[in-house]
């Protein structure tokens, strides 16, 4: 608001959400890969 860069807040939000999505995808992929190991 002080600098007049109105695009900065949405750009930062998109960057953070992409980082969270990539991390979540990696965790989901790893957990699905380990799932068959837990079945007796």
PDB file of N, CA and C in Angstrom:
ATOM      1  N   UNK A   1       0.818  -1.182   0.000  1.00  0.00           N
ATOM      2  CA  UNK A   1       0.000   0.000   0.000  1.00  0.00           C
ATOM      3  C   UNK A   1       0.871   1.260   0.000  1.00  0.00           C
ATOM      4  N   UNK A   2       1.991   1.180   0.667  1.00  0.00           N
ATOM      5  CA  UNK A   2       2.877   2.337   0.699  1.00  0.00           C
ATOM      6  C   UNK A   2       3.599   2.553  -0.622  1.00  0.00           C
ATOM      7  N   UNK A   3       3.914   1.440  -1.311  1.00  0.00           N
ATOM      8  CA  UNK A   3       4.670   1.564  -2.557  1.00  0.00           C
ATOM      9  C   UNK A   3       3.773   1.726  -3.777  1.00  0.00           C
ATOM     10  N   UNK A   4       2.505   1.377  -3.671  1.00  0.00           N
ATOM     11  CA  UNK A   4       1.602   1.449  -4.810  1.00  0.00           C
ATOM     12  C   UNK A   4       1.641   0.204  -5.689  1.00  0.00           C
ATOM     13  N   UNK A   5       2.356  -0.824  -5.240  1.00  0.00           N
ATOM     14  CA  UNK A   5       2.438  -2.061  -5.995  1.00  0.00           C
ATOM     15  C   UNK A   5       1.260  -2.947  -5.618  1.00  0.00           C
ATOM     16  N   UNK A   6       0.144  -2.760  -6.266  1.00  0.00           N
ATOM     17  CA  UNK A   6      -1.066  -3.510  -5.943  1.00  0.00           C
ATOM     18  C   UNK A   6      -0.986  -4.965  -6.398  1.00  0.00           C
ATOM     19  N   UNK A   7      -0.078  -5.287  -7.283  1.00  0.00           N
ATOM     20  CA  UNK A   7       0.050  -6.645  -7.786  1.00  0.00           C
ATOM     21  C   UNK A   7       0.896  -7.525  -6.876  1.00  0.00           C
ATOM     22  N   UNK A   8       1.612  -6.926  -5.931  1.00  0.00           N
ATOM     23  CA  UNK A   8       2.564  -7.692  -5.127  1.00  0.00           C
ATOM     24  C   UNK A   8       1.874  -8.675  -4.184  1.00  0.00           C
ATOM     25  N   UNK A   9       0.785  -8.281  -3.565  1.00  0.00           N
ATOM     26  CA  UNK A   9       0.090  -9.166  -2.625  1.00  0.00           C
ATOM     27  C   UNK A   9      -0.487 -10.401  -3.318  1.00  0.00           C
ATOM     28  N   UNK A  10      -1.206 -10.262  -4.429  1.00  0.00           N
ATOM     29  CA  UNK A  10      -1.681 -11.476  -5.111  1.00  0.00           C
ATOM     30  C   UNK A  10      -0.540 -12.347  -5.639  1.00  0.00           C
ATOM     31  N   UNK A  11       0.536 -11.724  -6.108  1.00  0.00           N
ATOM     32  CA  UNK A  11       1.664 -12.507  -6.607  1.00  0.00           C
ATOM     33  C   UNK A  11       2.314 -13.305  -5.479  1.00  0.00           C
ATOM     34  N   UNK A  12       2.456 -12.708  -4.320  1.00  0.00           N
ATOM     35  CA  UNK A  12       3.030 -13.423  -3.172  1.00  0.00           C
ATOM     36  C   UNK A  12       2.108 -14.553  -2.725  1.00  0.00           C
ATOM     37  N   UNK A  13       0.814 -14.323  -2.748  1.00  0.00           N
ATOM     38  CA  UNK A  13      -0.140 -15.365  -2.360  1.00  0.00           C
ATOM     39  C   UNK A  13      -0.090 -16.545  -3.328  1.00  0.00           C
ATOM     40  N   UNK A  14       0.026 -16.260  -4.616  1.00  0.00           N
ATOM     41  CA  UNK A  14       0.126 -17.336  -5.600  1.00  0.00           C
ATOM     42  C   UNK A  14       1.424 -18.108  -5.419  1.00  0.00           C
ATOM     43  N   UNK A  15       2.515 -17.417  -5.150  1.00  0.00           N
ATOM     44  CA  UNK A  15       3.804 -18.086  -4.952  1.00  0.00           C
ATOM     45  C   UNK A  15       3.765 -19.002  -3.727  1.00  0.00           C
ATOM     46  N   UNK A  16       3.185 -18.517  -2.646  1.00  0.00           N
ATOM     47  CA  UNK A  16       3.099 -19.336  -1.432  1.00  0.00           C
ATOM     48  C   UNK A  16       2.187 -20.537  -1.659  1.00  0.00           C
ATOM     49  N   UNK A  17       1.076 -20.341  -2.351  1.00  0.00           N
ATOM     50  CA  UNK A  17       0.161 -21.461  -2.593  1.00  0.00           C
ATOM     51  C   UNK A  17       0.794 -22.498  -3.513  1.00  0.00           C
ATOM     52  N   UNK A  18       1.597 -22.077  -4.485  1.00  0.00           N
ATOM     53  CA  UNK A  18       2.297 -23.038  -5.326  1.00  0.00           C
ATOM     54  C   UNK A  18       3.333 -23.828  -4.536  1.00  0.00           C
ATOM     55  N   UNK A  19       4.019 -23.159  -3.631  1.00  0.00           N
ATOM     56  CA  UNK A  19       4.983 -23.854  -2.780  1.00  0.00           C
ATOM     57  C   UNK A  19       4.289 -24.894  -1.901  1.00  0.00           C
ATOM     58  N   UNK A  20       3.154 -24.541  -1.343  1.00  0.00           N
ATOM     59  CA  UNK A  20       2.396 -25.481  -0.522  1.00  0.00           C
ATOM     60  C   UNK A  20       1.887 -26.649  -1.356  1.00  0.00           C
ATOM     61  N   UNK A  21       1.420 -26.375  -2.570  1.00  0.00           N
ATOM     62  CA  UNK A  21       0.911 -27.436  -3.440  1.00  0.00           C
ATOM     63  C   UNK A  21       2.009 -28.418  -3.831  1.00  0.00           C
ATOM     64  N   UNK A  22       3.199 -27.916  -4.140  1.00  0.00           N
ATOM     65  CA  UNK A  22       4.313 -28.794  -4.507  1.00  0.00           C
ATOM     66  C   UNK A  22       4.716 -29.660  -3.323  1.00  0.00           C
ATOM     67  N   UNK A  23       4.788 -29.077  -2.154  1.00  0.00           N
ATOM     68  CA  UNK A  23       5.153 -29.839  -0.962  1.00  0.00           C
ATOM     69  C   UNK A  23       4.097 -30.890  -0.628  1.00  0.00           C
ATOM     70  N   UNK A  24       2.839 -30.527  -0.753  1.00  0.00           N
ATOM     71  CA  UNK A  24       1.762 -31.482  -0.482  1.00  0.00           C
ATOM     72  C   UNK A  24       1.789 -32.621  -1.494  1.00  0.00           C
ATOM     73  N   UNK A  25       2.057 -32.325  -2.757  1.00  0.00           N
ATOM     74  CA  UNK A  25       2.114 -33.362  -3.779  1.00  0.00           C
ATOM     75  C   UNK A  25       3.251 -34.340  -3.493  1.00  0.00           C
ATOM     76  N   UNK A  26       4.400 -33.832  -3.086  1.00  0.00           N
ATOM     77  CA  UNK A  26       5.531 -34.709  -2.755  1.00  0.00           C
ATOM     78  C   UNK A  26       5.193 -35.605  -1.564  1.00  0.00           C
ATOM     79  N   UNK A  27       4.562 -35.046  -0.552  1.00  0.00           N
ATOM     80  CA  UNK A  27       4.201 -35.834   0.626  1.00  0.00           C
ATOM     81  C   UNK A  27       3.170 -36.904   0.271  1.00  0.00           C
ATOM     82  N   UNK A  28       2.187 -36.550  -0.550  1.00  0.00           N
ATOM     83  CA  UNK A  28       1.173 -37.513  -0.960  1.00  0.00           C
ATOM     84  C   UNK A  28       1.788 -38.630  -1.788  1.00  0.00           C
ATOM     85  N   UNK A  29       2.678 -38.275  -2.696  1.00  0.00           N
ATOM     86  CA  UNK A  29       3.338 -39.283  -3.532  1.00  0.00           C
ATOM     87  C   UNK A  29       4.170 -40.236  -2.680  1.00  0.00           C
ATOM     88  N   UNK A  30       4.907 -39.711  -1.731  1.00  0.00           N
ATOM     89  CA  UNK A  30       5.721 -40.557  -0.862  1.00  0.00           C
ATOM     90  C   UNK A  30       4.862 -41.459   0.006  1.00  0.00           C
ATOM     91  N   UNK A  31       3.753 -40.937   0.518  1.00  0.00           N
ATOM     92  CA  UNK A  31       2.900 -41.764   1.372  1.00  0.00           C
ATOM     93  C   UNK A  31       2.211 -42.861   0.569  1.00  0.00           C
ATOM     94  N   UNK A  32       1.843 -42.584  -0.672  1.00  0.00           N
ATOM     95  CA  UNK A  32       1.236 -43.626  -1.502  1.00  0.00           C
ATOM     96  C   UNK A  32       2.257 -44.671  -1.909  1.00  0.00           C
ATOM     97  N   UNK A  33       3.506 -44.270  -2.037  1.00  0.00           N
ATOM     98  CA  UNK A  33       4.554 -45.220  -2.377  1.00  0.00           C
ATOM     99  C   UNK A  33       4.832 -46.158  -1.198  1.00  0.00           C
ATOM    100  N   UNK A  34       4.703 -45.657   0.019  1.00  0.00           N
ATOM    101  CA  UNK A  34       4.983 -46.468   1.209  1.00  0.00           C
ATOM    102  C   UNK A  34       3.771 -47.279   1.661  1.00  0.00           C
ATOM    103  N   UNK A  35       2.594 -47.002   1.133  1.00  0.00           N
ATOM    104  CA  UNK A  35       1.383 -47.682   1.581  1.00  0.00           C
ATOM    105  C   UNK A  35       1.436 -49.197   1.413  1.00  0.00           C
ATOM    106  N   UNK A  36       1.886 -49.733   0.293  1.00  0.00           N
ATOM    107  CA  UNK A  36       1.922 -51.202   0.168  1.00  0.00           C
ATOM    108  C   UNK A  36       2.886 -51.872   1.145  1.00  0.00           C
ATOM    109  N   UNK A  37       3.871 -51.152   1.643  1.00  0.00           N
ATOM    110  CA  UNK A  37       4.811 -51.753   2.596  1.00  0.00           C
ATOM    111  C   UNK A  37       4.151 -52.052   3.936  1.00  0.00           C
ATOM    112  N   UNK A  38       3.089 -51.348   4.290  1.00  0.00           N
ATOM    113  CA  UNK A  38       2.442 -51.549   5.572  1.00  0.00           C
ATOM    114  C   UNK A  38       1.415 -52.673   5.585  1.00  0.00           C
ATOM    115  N   UNK A  39       1.103 -53.215   4.419  1.00  0.00           N
ATOM    116  CA  UNK A  39       0.097 -54.284   4.337  1.00  0.00           C
ATOM    117  C   UNK A  39       0.790 -55.618   4.633  1.00  0.00           C
ATOM    118  N   UNK A  40       0.251 -56.365   5.578  1.00  0.00           N
ATOM    119  CA  UNK A  40       0.885 -57.657   5.900  1.00  0.00           C
ATOM    120  C   UNK A  40       0.638 -58.711   4.837  1.00  0.00           C
TER     121      UNK A  40
END
